[in-house]
Amino acid sequence: MSEKGCGIVSVKTQIENKLQSAFQLNALKVVDESHLHAGHVGARPEGETHFRVTIVSPDFAGKSRVERHRMVNAALAEELAGPVHALAVHASAPEEGEGG
């Protein structure tokens, strides 16, 4: 499931790989919600434009919500500058659970 088509890594897999490299993870869930935005600005027929990320990491302890989002956005700067039109982020520290 890590690849799409003929050896081309999907945007979802790129996001997962970059977040796994950037953070110590307790939990990570990346959901492609592009189908919910078909026909909207920024949506492409092939999808992979709108994602929801739920991430739990000790790296977020003591950080504000804005700081956490900035950390995730920095890790995914290349994707946000290219194929990803929208990214919803729920980032929390382990003691907070997945509510972020």
PDB file of N, CA and C in Angstrom:
ATOM      1  N   MET A   1       0.804  -1.203   0.000  1.00  0.00           N
ATOM      2  CA  MET A   1       0.000   0.000   0.000  1.00  0.00           C
ATOM      3  C   MET A   1       0.846   1.265   0.000  1.00  0.00           C
ATOM      4  N   SER A   2       2.154   1.131   0.040  1.00  0.00           N
ATOM      5  CA  SER A   2       2.988   2.314   0.131  1.00  0.00           C
ATOM      6  C   SER A   2       3.232   2.965  -1.219  1.00  0.00           C
ATOM      7  N   GLU A   3       2.801   2.358  -2.270  1.00  0.00           N
ATOM      8  CA  GLU A   3       3.038   2.946  -3.582  1.00  0.00           C
ATOM      9  C   GLU A   3       1.759   2.958  -4.387  1.00  0.00           C
ATOM     10  N   LYS A   4       1.701   3.873  -5.330  1.00  0.00           N
ATOM     11  CA  LYS A   4       0.545   4.036  -6.178  1.00  0.00           C
ATOM     12  C   LYS A   4       1.016   3.990  -7.622  1.00  0.00           C
ATOM     13  N   GLY A   5       0.335   3.242  -8.430  1.00  0.00           N
ATOM     14  CA  GLY A   5       0.703   3.174  -9.837  1.00  0.00           C
ATOM     15  C   GLY A   5       2.006   2.435 -10.047  1.00  0.00           C
ATOM     16  N   CYS A   6       2.805   2.936 -10.959  1.00  0.00           N
ATOM     17  CA  CYS A   6       4.055   2.270 -11.353  1.00  0.00           C
ATOM     18  C   CYS A   6       5.239   2.821 -10.571  1.00  0.00           C
ATOM     19  N   GLY A   7       5.318   2.505  -9.288  1.00  0.00           N
ATOM     20  CA  GLY A   7       6.453   2.920  -8.486  1.00  0.00           C
ATOM     21  C   GLY A   7       6.412   4.361  -8.028  1.00  0.00           C
ATOM     22  N   ILE A   8       5.326   5.070  -8.252  1.00  0.00           N
ATOM     23  CA  ILE A   8       5.205   6.449  -7.804  1.00  0.00           C
ATOM     24  C   ILE A   8       4.577   6.434  -6.411  1.00  0.00           C
ATOM     25  N   VAL A   9       5.255   7.042  -5.459  1.00  0.00           N
ATOM     26  CA  VAL A   9       4.766   7.067  -4.085  1.00  0.00           C
ATOM     27  C   VAL A   9       3.600   8.043  -3.985  1.00  0.00           C
ATOM     28  N   SER A  10       2.519   7.604  -3.360  1.00  0.00           N
ATOM     29  CA  SER A  10       1.338   8.456  -3.208  1.00  0.00           C
ATOM     30  C   SER A  10       1.636   9.629  -2.275  1.00  0.00           C
ATOM     31  N   VAL A  11       0.861  10.685  -2.407  1.00  0.00           N
ATOM     32  CA  VAL A  11       1.014  11.849  -1.545  1.00  0.00           C
ATOM     33  C   VAL A  11       0.759  11.443  -0.090  1.00  0.00           C
ATOM     34  N   LYS A  12      -0.226  10.600   0.136  1.00  0.00           N
ATOM     35  CA  LYS A  12      -0.514  10.127   1.496  1.00  0.00           C
ATOM     36  C   LYS A  12       0.719   9.444   2.092  1.00  0.00           C
ATOM     37  N   THR A  13       1.371   8.591   1.325  1.00  0.00           N
ATOM     38  CA  THR A  13       2.565   7.893   1.802  1.00  0.00           C
ATOM     39  C   THR A  13       3.705   8.875   2.045  1.00  0.00           C
ATOM     40  N   GLN A  14       3.848   9.871   1.190  1.00  0.00           N
ATOM     41  CA  GLN A  14       4.873  10.897   1.392  1.00  0.00           C
ATOM     42  C   GLN A  14       4.639  11.614   2.721  1.00  0.00           C
ATOM     43  N   ILE A  15       3.389  11.960   2.993  1.00  0.00           N
ATOM     44  CA  ILE A  15       3.046  12.635   4.248  1.00  0.00           C
ATOM     45  C   ILE A  15       3.384  11.735   5.433  1.00  0.00           C
ATOM     46  N   GLU A  16       2.972  10.483   5.367  1.00  0.00           N
ATOM     47  CA  GLU A  16       3.255   9.539   6.453  1.00  0.00           C
ATOM     48  C   GLU A  16       4.755   9.403   6.683  1.00  0.00           C
ATOM     49  N   ASN A  17       5.508   9.232   5.618  1.00  0.00           N
ATOM     50  CA  ASN A  17       6.961   9.053   5.726  1.00  0.00           C
ATOM     51  C   ASN A  17       7.639  10.278   6.333  1.00  0.00           C
ATOM     52  N   LYS A  18       7.249  11.461   5.887  1.00  0.00           N
ATOM     53  CA  LYS A  18       7.876  12.677   6.400  1.00  0.00           C
ATOM     54  C   LYS A  18       7.545  12.902   7.871  1.00  0.00           C
ATOM     55  N   LEU A  19       6.310  12.634   8.274  1.00  0.00           N
ATOM     56  CA  LEU A  19       5.944  12.819   9.675  1.00  0.00           C
ATOM     57  C   LEU A  19       6.622  11.770  10.557  1.00  0.00           C
ATOM     58  N   GLN A  20       6.768  10.554  10.044  1.00  0.00           N
ATOM     59  CA  GLN A  20       7.475   9.510  10.796  1.00  0.00           C
ATOM     60  C   GLN A  20       8.942   9.881  10.993  1.00  0.00           C
ATOM     61  N   SER A  21       9.528  10.543  10.020  1.00  0.00           N
ATOM     62  CA  SER A  21      10.931  10.961  10.117  1.00  0.00           C
ATOM     63  C   SER A  21      11.110  12.189  11.004  1.00  0.00           C
ATOM     64  N   ALA A  22      10.123  13.070  10.993  1.00  0.00           N
ATOM     65  CA  ALA A  22      10.253  14.346  11.692  1.00  0.00           C
ATOM     66  C   ALA A  22       9.935  14.279  13.184  1.00  0.00           C
ATOM     67  N   PHE A  23       9.084  13.326  13.582  1.00  0.00           N
ATOM     68  CA  PHE A  23       8.601  13.291  14.959  1.00  0.00           C
ATOM     69  C   PHE A  23       8.748  11.911  15.589  1.00  0.00           C
ATOM     70  N   GLN A  24       8.859  11.897  16.925  1.00  0.00           N
ATOM     71  CA  GLN A  24       8.715  10.652  17.680  1.00  0.00           C
ATOM     72  C   GLN A  24       7.206  10.425  17.750  1.00  0.00           C
ATOM     73  N   LEU A  25       6.741   9.317  17.242  1.00  0.00           N
ATOM     74  CA  LEU A  25       5.299   9.124  17.154  1.00  0.00           C
ATOM     75  C   LEU A  25       4.762   8.104  18.142  1.00  0.00           C
ATOM     76  N   ASN A  26       3.648   8.460  18.763  1.00  0.00           N
ATOM     77  CA  ASN A  26       2.865   7.504  19.537  1.00  0.00           C
ATOM     78  C   ASN A  26       1.693   7.031  18.681  1.00  0.00           C
ATOM     79  N   ALA A  27       1.227   7.906  17.795  1.00  0.00           N
ATOM     80  CA  ALA A  27       0.129   7.565  16.884  1.00  0.00           C
ATOM     81  C   ALA A  27       0.167   8.499  15.686  1.00  0.00           C
ATOM     82  N   LEU A  28      -0.228   7.961  14.543  1.00  0.00           N
ATOM     83  CA  LEU A  28      -0.324   8.761  13.321  1.00  0.00           C
ATOM     84  C   LEU A  28      -1.425   8.188  12.455  1.00  0.00           C
ATOM     85  N   LYS A  29      -2.299   9.066  12.008  1.00  0.00           N
ATOM     86  CA  LYS A  29      -3.363   8.669  11.084  1.00  0.00           C
ATOM     87  C   LYS A  29      -3.464   9.757  10.018  1.00  0.00           C
ATOM     88  N   VAL A  30      -3.326   9.349   8.762  1.00  0.00           N
ATOM     89  CA  VAL A  30      -3.433  10.276   7.639  1.00  0.00           C
ATOM     90  C   VAL A  30      -4.598   9.800   6.772  1.00  0.00           C
ATOM     91  N   VAL A  31      -5.574  10.678   6.585  1.00  0.00           N
ATOM     92  CA  VAL A  31      -6.772  10.331   5.822  1.00  0.00           C
ATOM     93  C   VAL A  31      -6.871  11.260   4.620  1.00  0.00           C
ATOM     94  N   ASP A  32      -7.015  10.668   3.443  1.00  0.00           N
ATOM     95  CA  ASP A  32      -7.225  11.433   2.208  1.00  0.00           C
ATOM     96  C   ASP A  32      -8.714  11.756   2.115  1.00  0.00           C
ATOM     97  N   GLU A  33      -9.060  13.023   2.260  1.00  0.00           N
ATOM     98  CA  GLU A  33     -10.458  13.459   2.205  1.00  0.00           C
ATOM     99  C   GLU A  33     -10.779  14.170   0.894  1.00  0.00           C
ATOM    100  N   SER A  34      -9.954  13.959  -0.103  1.00  0.00           N
ATOM    101  CA  SER A  34     -10.120  14.659  -1.376  1.00  0.00           C
ATOM    102  C   SER A  34     -11.482  14.429  -2.002  1.00  0.00           C
ATOM    103  N   HIS A  35     -12.007  13.218  -1.855  1.00  0.00           N
ATOM    104  CA  HIS A  35     -13.314  12.905  -2.449  1.00  0.00           C
ATOM    105  C   HIS A  35     -14.425  13.788  -1.890  1.00  0.00           C
ATOM    106  N   LEU A  36     -14.246  14.319  -0.695  1.00  0.00           N
ATOM    107  CA  LEU A  36     -15.252  15.197  -0.092  1.00  0.00           C
ATOM    108  C   LEU A  36     -15.225  16.594  -0.696  1.00  0.00           C
ATOM    109  N   HIS A  37     -14.167  16.888  -1.456  1.00  0.00           N
ATOM    110  CA  HIS A  37     -13.972  18.230  -2.002  1.00  0.00           C
ATOM    111  C   HIS A  37     -13.988  18.259  -3.526  1.00  0.00           C
ATOM    112  N   ALA A  38     -14.465  17.209  -4.144  1.00  0.00           N
ATOM    113  CA  ALA A  38     -14.520  17.146  -5.612  1.00  0.00           C
ATOM    114  C   ALA A  38     -15.294  18.349  -6.146  1.00  0.00           C
ATOM    115  N   GLY A  39     -14.700  19.013  -7.123  1.00  0.00           N
ATOM    116  CA  GLY A  39     -15.334  20.175  -7.729  1.00  0.00           C
ATOM    117  C   GLY A  39     -15.038  21.483  -7.023  1.00  0.00           C
ATOM    118  N   HIS A  40     -14.405  21.438  -5.855  1.00  0.00           N
ATOM    119  CA  HIS A  40     -14.061  22.653  -5.127  1.00  0.00           C
ATOM    120  C   HIS A  40     -12.731  23.203  -5.602  1.00  0.00           C
ATOM    121  N   VAL A  41     -12.439  24.429  -5.242  1.00  0.00           N
ATOM    122  CA  VAL A  41     -11.171  25.060  -5.585  1.00  0.00           C
ATOM    123  C   VAL A  41     -10.028  24.225  -5.004  1.00  0.00           C
ATOM    124  N   GLY A  42      -9.012  23.975  -5.800  1.00  0.00           N
ATOM    125  CA  GLY A  42      -7.838  23.242  -5.355  1.00  0.00           C
ATOM    126  C   GLY A  42      -7.946  21.741  -5.526  1.00  0.00           C
ATOM    127  N   ALA A  43      -9.143  21.239  -5.796  1.00  0.00           N
ATOM    128  CA  ALA A  43      -9.323  19.792  -5.981  1.00  0.00           C
ATOM    129  C   ALA A  43      -8.919  19.411  -7.397  1.00  0.00           C
ATOM    130  N   ARG A  44      -8.275  18.261  -7.518  1.00  0.00           N
ATOM    131  CA  ARG A  44      -7.913  17.729  -8.830  1.00  0.00           C
ATOM    132  C   ARG A  44      -8.700  16.441  -9.039  1.00  0.00           C
ATOM    133  N   PRO A  45      -9.003  16.095 -10.270  1.00  0.00           N
ATOM    134  CA  PRO A  45      -9.767  14.875 -10.545  1.00  0.00           C
ATOM    135  C   PRO A  45      -9.112  13.612  -9.980  1.00  0.00           C
ATOM    136  N   GLU A  46      -7.780  13.576  -9.955  1.00  0.00           N
ATOM    137  CA  GLU A  46      -7.075  12.392  -9.455  1.00  0.00           C
ATOM    138  C   GLU A  46      -7.006  12.346  -7.927  1.00  0.00           C
ATOM    139  N   GLY A  47      -7.458  13.403  -7.268  1.00  0.00           N
ATOM    140  CA  GLY A  47      -7.485  13.409  -5.802  1.00  0.00           C
ATOM    141  C   GLY A  47      -6.153  13.760  -5.182  1.00  0.00           C
ATOM    142  N   GLU A  48      -5.964  13.315  -3.955  1.00  0.00           N
ATOM    143  CA  GLU A  48      -4.758  13.558  -3.164  1.00  0.00           C
ATOM    144  C   GLU A  48      -4.439  15.047  -3.020  1.00  0.00           C
ATOM    145  N   THR A  49      -5.459  15.819  -2.653  1.00  0.00           N
ATOM    146  CA  THR A  49      -5.286  17.257  -2.459  1.00  0.00           C
ATOM    147  C   THR A  49      -5.684  17.712  -1.061  1.00  0.00           C
ATOM    148  N   HIS A  50      -6.576  16.972  -0.410  1.00  0.00           N
ATOM    149  CA  HIS A  50      -7.108  17.353   0.898  1.00  0.00           C
ATOM    150  C   HIS A  50      -6.884  16.215   1.893  1.00  0.00           C
ATOM    151  N   PHE A  51      -6.189  16.532   2.988  1.00  0.00           N
ATOM    152  CA  PHE A  51      -5.847  15.496   3.962  1.00  0.00           C
ATOM    153  C   PHE A  51      -6.185  15.929   5.379  1.00  0.00           C
ATOM    154  N   ARG A  52      -6.464  14.941   6.221  1.00  0.00           N
ATOM    155  CA  ARG A  52      -6.648  15.137   7.661  1.00  0.00           C
ATOM    156  C   ARG A  52      -5.591  14.297   8.360  1.00  0.00           C
ATOM    157  N   VAL A  53      -4.810  14.941   9.229  1.00  0.00           N
ATOM    158  CA  VAL A  53      -3.738  14.273   9.964  1.00  0.00           C
ATOM    159  C   VAL A  53      -4.042  14.332  11.457  1.00  0.00           C
ATOM    160  N   THR A  54      -4.009  13.168  12.086  1.00  0.00           N
ATOM    161  CA  THR A  54      -4.075  13.082  13.543  1.00  0.00           C
ATOM    162  C   THR A  54      -2.735  12.528  13.986  1.00  0.00           C
ATOM    163  N   ILE A  55      -2.038  13.289  14.813  1.00  0.00           N
ATOM    164  CA  ILE A  55      -0.682  12.908  15.208  1.00  0.00           C
ATOM    165  C   ILE A  55      -0.510  13.113  16.710  1.00  0.00           C
ATOM    166  N   VAL A  56       0.036  12.103  17.356  1.00  0.00           N
ATOM    167  CA  VAL A  56       0.336  12.166  18.792  1.00  0.00           C
ATOM    168  C   VAL A  56       1.832  11.960  18.945  1.00  0.00           C
ATOM    169  N   SER A  57       2.493  12.945  19.563  1.00  0.00           N
ATOM    170  CA  SER A  57       3.950  12.890  19.701  1.00  0.00           C
ATOM    171  C   SER A  57       4.392  13.616  20.974  1.00  0.00           C
ATOM    172  N   PRO A  58       5.389  13.066  21.660  1.00  0.00           N
ATOM    173  CA  PRO A  58       5.939  13.788  22.800  1.00  0.00           C
ATOM    174  C   PRO A  58       6.616  15.096  22.383  1.00  0.00           C
ATOM    175  N   ASP A  59       6.918  15.246  21.106  1.00  0.00           N
ATOM    176  CA  ASP A  59       7.513  16.481  20.599  1.00  0.00           C
ATOM    177  C   ASP A  59       6.575  17.673  20.767  1.00  0.00           C
ATOM    178  N   PHE A  60       5.286  17.422  20.961  1.00  0.00           N
ATOM    179  CA  PHE A  60       4.305  18.495  21.097  1.00  0.00           C
ATOM    180  C   PHE A  60       4.075  18.920  22.546  1.00  0.00           C
ATOM    181  N   ALA A  61       4.674  18.220  23.492  1.00  0.00           N
ATOM    182  CA  ALA A  61       4.488  18.553  24.908  1.00  0.00           C
ATOM    183  C   ALA A  61       4.950  19.985  25.172  1.00  0.00           C
ATOM    184  N   GLY A  62       4.103  20.743  25.849  1.00  0.00           N
ATOM    185  CA  GLY A  62       4.439  22.124  26.196  1.00  0.00           C
ATOM    186  C   GLY A  62       4.311  23.109  25.049  1.00  0.00           C
ATOM    187  N   LYS A  63       3.873  22.651  23.889  1.00  0.00           N
ATOM    188  CA  LYS A  63       3.734  23.528  22.722  1.00  0.00           C
ATOM    189  C   LYS A  63       2.263  23.949  22.568  1.00  0.00           C
ATOM    190  N   SER A  64       2.058  25.156  22.087  1.00  0.00           N
ATOM    191  CA  SER A  64       0.700  25.625  21.826  1.00  0.00           C
ATOM    192  C   SER A  64       0.162  24.957  20.564  1.00  0.00           C
ATOM    193  N   ARG A  65      -1.115  25.073  20.357  1.00  0.00           N
ATOM    194  CA  ARG A  65      -1.743  24.517  19.148  1.00  0.00           C
ATOM    195  C   ARG A  65      -1.100  25.100  17.889  1.00  0.00           C
ATOM    196  N   VAL A  66      -0.866  26.394  17.897  1.00  0.00           N
ATOM    197  CA  VAL A  66      -0.255  27.065  16.736  1.00  0.00           C
ATOM    198  C   VAL A  66       1.161  26.541  16.502  1.00  0.00           C
ATOM    199  N   GLU A  67       1.947  26.392  17.571  1.00  0.00           N
ATOM    200  CA  GLU A  67       3.310  25.870  17.434  1.00  0.00           C
ATOM    201  C   GLU A  67       3.296  24.456  16.857  1.00  0.00           C
ATOM    202  N   ARG A  68       2.364  23.636  17.303  1.00  0.00           N
ATOM    203  CA  ARG A  68       2.260  22.263  16.802  1.00  0.00           C
ATOM    204  C   ARG A  68       1.939  22.250  15.314  1.00  0.00           C
ATOM    205  N   HIS A  69       1.010  23.086  14.907  1.00  0.00           N
ATOM    206  CA  HIS A  69       0.637  23.157  13.491  1.00  0.00           C
ATOM    207  C   HIS A  69       1.815  23.637  12.656  1.00  0.00           C
ATOM    208  N   ARG A  70       2.542  24.606  13.183  1.00  0.00           N
ATOM    209  CA  ARG A  70       3.724  25.100  12.463  1.00  0.00           C
ATOM    210  C   ARG A  70       4.767  24.002  12.300  1.00  0.00           C
ATOM    211  N   MET A  71       4.938  23.180  13.323  1.00  0.00           N
ATOM    212  CA  MET A  71       5.897  22.078  13.256  1.00  0.00           C
ATOM    213  C   MET A  71       5.503  21.079  12.170  1.00  0.00           C
ATOM    214  N   VAL A  72       4.226  20.735  12.122  1.00  0.00           N
ATOM    215  CA  VAL A  72       3.725  19.797  11.105  1.00  0.00           C
ATOM    216  C   VAL A  72       3.852  20.429   9.723  1.00  0.00           C
ATOM    217  N   ASN A  73       3.449  21.693   9.601  1.00  0.00           N
ATOM    218  CA  ASN A  73       3.535  22.371   8.309  1.00  0.00           C
ATOM    219  C   ASN A  73       4.976  22.466   7.817  1.00  0.00           C
ATOM    220  N   ALA A  74       5.918  22.689   8.731  1.00  0.00           N
ATOM    221  CA  ALA A  74       7.333  22.755   8.342  1.00  0.00           C
ATOM    222  C   ALA A  74       7.806  21.404   7.817  1.00  0.00           C
ATOM    223  N   ALA A  75       7.375  20.324   8.473  1.00  0.00           N
ATOM    224  CA  ALA A  75       7.775  18.983   8.033  1.00  0.00           C
ATOM    225  C   ALA A  75       7.193  18.651   6.658  1.00  0.00           C
ATOM    226  N   LEU A  76       6.046  19.251   6.349  1.00  0.00           N
ATOM    227  CA  LEU A  76       5.358  18.952   5.086  1.00  0.00           C
ATOM    228  C   LEU A  76       5.393  20.125   4.108  1.00  0.00           C
ATOM    229  N   ALA A  77       6.381  20.987   4.247  1.00  0.00           N
ATOM    230  CA  ALA A  77       6.463  22.198   3.413  1.00  0.00           C
ATOM    231  C   ALA A  77       6.420  21.894   1.920  1.00  0.00           C
ATOM    232  N   GLU A  78       7.135  20.864   1.505  1.00  0.00           N
ATOM    233  CA  GLU A  78       7.177  20.522   0.073  1.00  0.00           C
ATOM    234  C   GLU A  78       5.794  20.109  -0.442  1.00  0.00           C
ATOM    235  N   GLU A  79       5.095  19.310   0.334  1.00  0.00           N
ATOM    236  CA  GLU A  79       3.754  18.855  -0.076  1.00  0.00           C
ATOM    237  C   GLU A  79       2.764  20.018  -0.066  1.00  0.00           C
ATOM    238  N   LEU A  80       2.875  20.893   0.927  1.00  0.00           N
ATOM    239  CA  LEU A  80       1.967  22.033   1.009  1.00  0.00           C
ATOM    240  C   LEU A  80       2.223  23.048  -0.109  1.00  0.00           C
ATOM    241  N   ALA A  81       3.437  23.084  -0.614  1.00  0.00           N
ATOM    242  CA  ALA A  81       3.771  23.977  -1.729  1.00  0.00           C
ATOM    243  C   ALA A  81       3.374  23.364  -3.071  1.00  0.00           C
ATOM    244  N   GLY A  82       3.072  22.077  -3.070  1.00  0.00           N
ATOM    245  CA  GLY A  82       2.772  21.394  -4.322  1.00  0.00           C
ATOM    246  C   GLY A  82       1.398  20.767  -4.347  1.00  0.00           C
ATOM    247  N   PRO A  83       1.334  19.452  -4.178  1.00  0.00           N
ATOM    248  CA  PRO A  83       0.078  18.749  -4.421  1.00  0.00           C
ATOM    249  C   PRO A  83      -1.006  18.926  -3.364  1.00  0.00           C
ATOM    250  N   VAL A  84      -0.639  19.292  -2.131  1.00  0.00           N
ATOM    251  CA  VAL A  84      -1.639  19.378  -1.064  1.00  0.00           C
ATOM    252  C   VAL A  84      -2.252  20.767  -1.026  1.00  0.00           C
ATOM    253  N   HIS A  85      -3.569  20.812  -1.193  1.00  0.00           N
ATOM    254  CA  HIS A  85      -4.295  22.071  -1.174  1.00  0.00           C
ATOM    255  C   HIS A  85      -4.770  22.411   0.239  1.00  0.00           C
ATOM    256  N   ALA A  86      -5.163  21.393   1.002  1.00  0.00           N
ATOM    257  CA  ALA A  86      -5.690  21.623   2.347  1.00  0.00           C
ATOM    258  C   ALA A  86      -5.214  20.518   3.282  1.00  0.00           C
ATOM    259  N   LEU A  87      -4.862  20.932   4.510  1.00  0.00           N
ATOM    260  CA  LEU A  87      -4.388  19.986   5.511  1.00  0.00           C
ATOM    261  C   LEU A  87      -5.026  20.344   6.849  1.00  0.00           C
ATOM    262  N   ALA A  88      -5.835  19.436   7.367  1.00  0.00           N
ATOM    263  CA  ALA A  88      -6.409  19.602   8.698  1.00  0.00           C
ATOM    264  C   ALA A  88      -5.516  18.833   9.662  1.00  0.00           C
ATOM    265  N   VAL A  89      -5.082  19.482  10.736  1.00  0.00           N
ATOM    266  CA  VAL A  89      -4.140  18.867  11.667  1.00  0.00           C
ATOM    267  C   VAL A  89      -4.739  18.818  13.066  1.00  0.00           C
ATOM    268  N   HIS A  90      -4.679  17.638  13.658  1.00  0.00           N
ATOM    269  CA  HIS A  90      -5.022  17.428  15.062  1.00  0.00           C
ATOM    270  C   HIS A  90      -3.765  16.872  15.706  1.00  0.00           C
ATOM    271  N   ALA A  91      -3.014  17.750  16.393  1.00  0.00           N
ATOM    272  CA  ALA A  91      -1.733  17.371  16.986  1.00  0.00           C
ATOM    273  C   ALA A  91      -1.822  17.444  18.497  1.00  0.00           C
ATOM    274  N   SER A  92      -1.381  16.382  19.164  1.00  0.00           N
ATOM    275  CA  SER A  92      -1.425  16.369  20.611  1.00  0.00           C
ATOM    276  C   SER A  92      -0.219  15.627  21.178  1.00  0.00           C
ATOM    277  N   ALA A  93       0.052  15.897  22.455  1.00  0.00           N
ATOM    278  CA  ALA A  93       1.086  15.180  23.190  1.00  0.00           C
ATOM    279  C   ALA A  93       0.447  13.907  23.764  1.00  0.00           C
ATOM    280  N   PRO A  94       1.245  12.890  24.084  1.00  0.00           N
ATOM    281  CA  PRO A  94       0.697  11.606  24.550  1.00  0.00           C
ATOM    282  C   PRO A  94      -0.242  11.728  25.746  1.00  0.00           C
ATOM    283  N   GLU A  95       0.077  12.604  26.693  1.00  0.00           N
ATOM    284  CA  GLU A  95      -0.769  12.728  27.870  1.00  0.00           C
ATOM    285  C   GLU A  95      -2.132  13.345  27.569  1.00  0.00           C
ATOM    286  N   GLU A  96      -2.288  13.914  26.370  1.00  0.00           N
ATOM    287  CA  GLU A  96      -3.544  14.523  25.962  1.00  0.00           C
ATOM    288  C   GLU A  96      -4.399  13.566  25.145  1.00  0.00           C
ATOM    289  N   GLY A  97      -3.847  12.431  24.738  1.00  0.00           N
ATOM    290  CA  GLY A  97      -4.568  11.510  23.872  1.00  0.00           C
ATOM    291  C   GLY A  97      -4.618  12.019  22.458  1.00  0.00           C
ATOM    292  N   GLU A  98      -5.660  11.646  21.708  1.00  0.00           N
ATOM    293  CA  GLU A  98      -5.758  12.050  20.308  1.00  0.00           C
ATOM    294  C   GLU A  98      -6.708  13.222  20.109  1.00  0.00           C
ATOM    295  N   GLY A  99      -7.124  13.864  21.178  1.00  0.00           N
ATOM    296  CA  GLY A  99      -8.071  14.963  21.068  1.00  0.00           C
ATOM    297  C   GLY A  99      -7.481  16.234  20.514  1.00  0.00           C
ATOM    298  N   GLY A 100      -6.155  16.456  20.737  1.00  0.00           N
ATOM    299  CA  GLY A 100      -5.399  17.575  20.228  1.00  0.00           C
ATOM    300  C   GLY A 100      -6.097  18.839  20.192  1.00  0.00           C
TER     301      GLY A 100
END
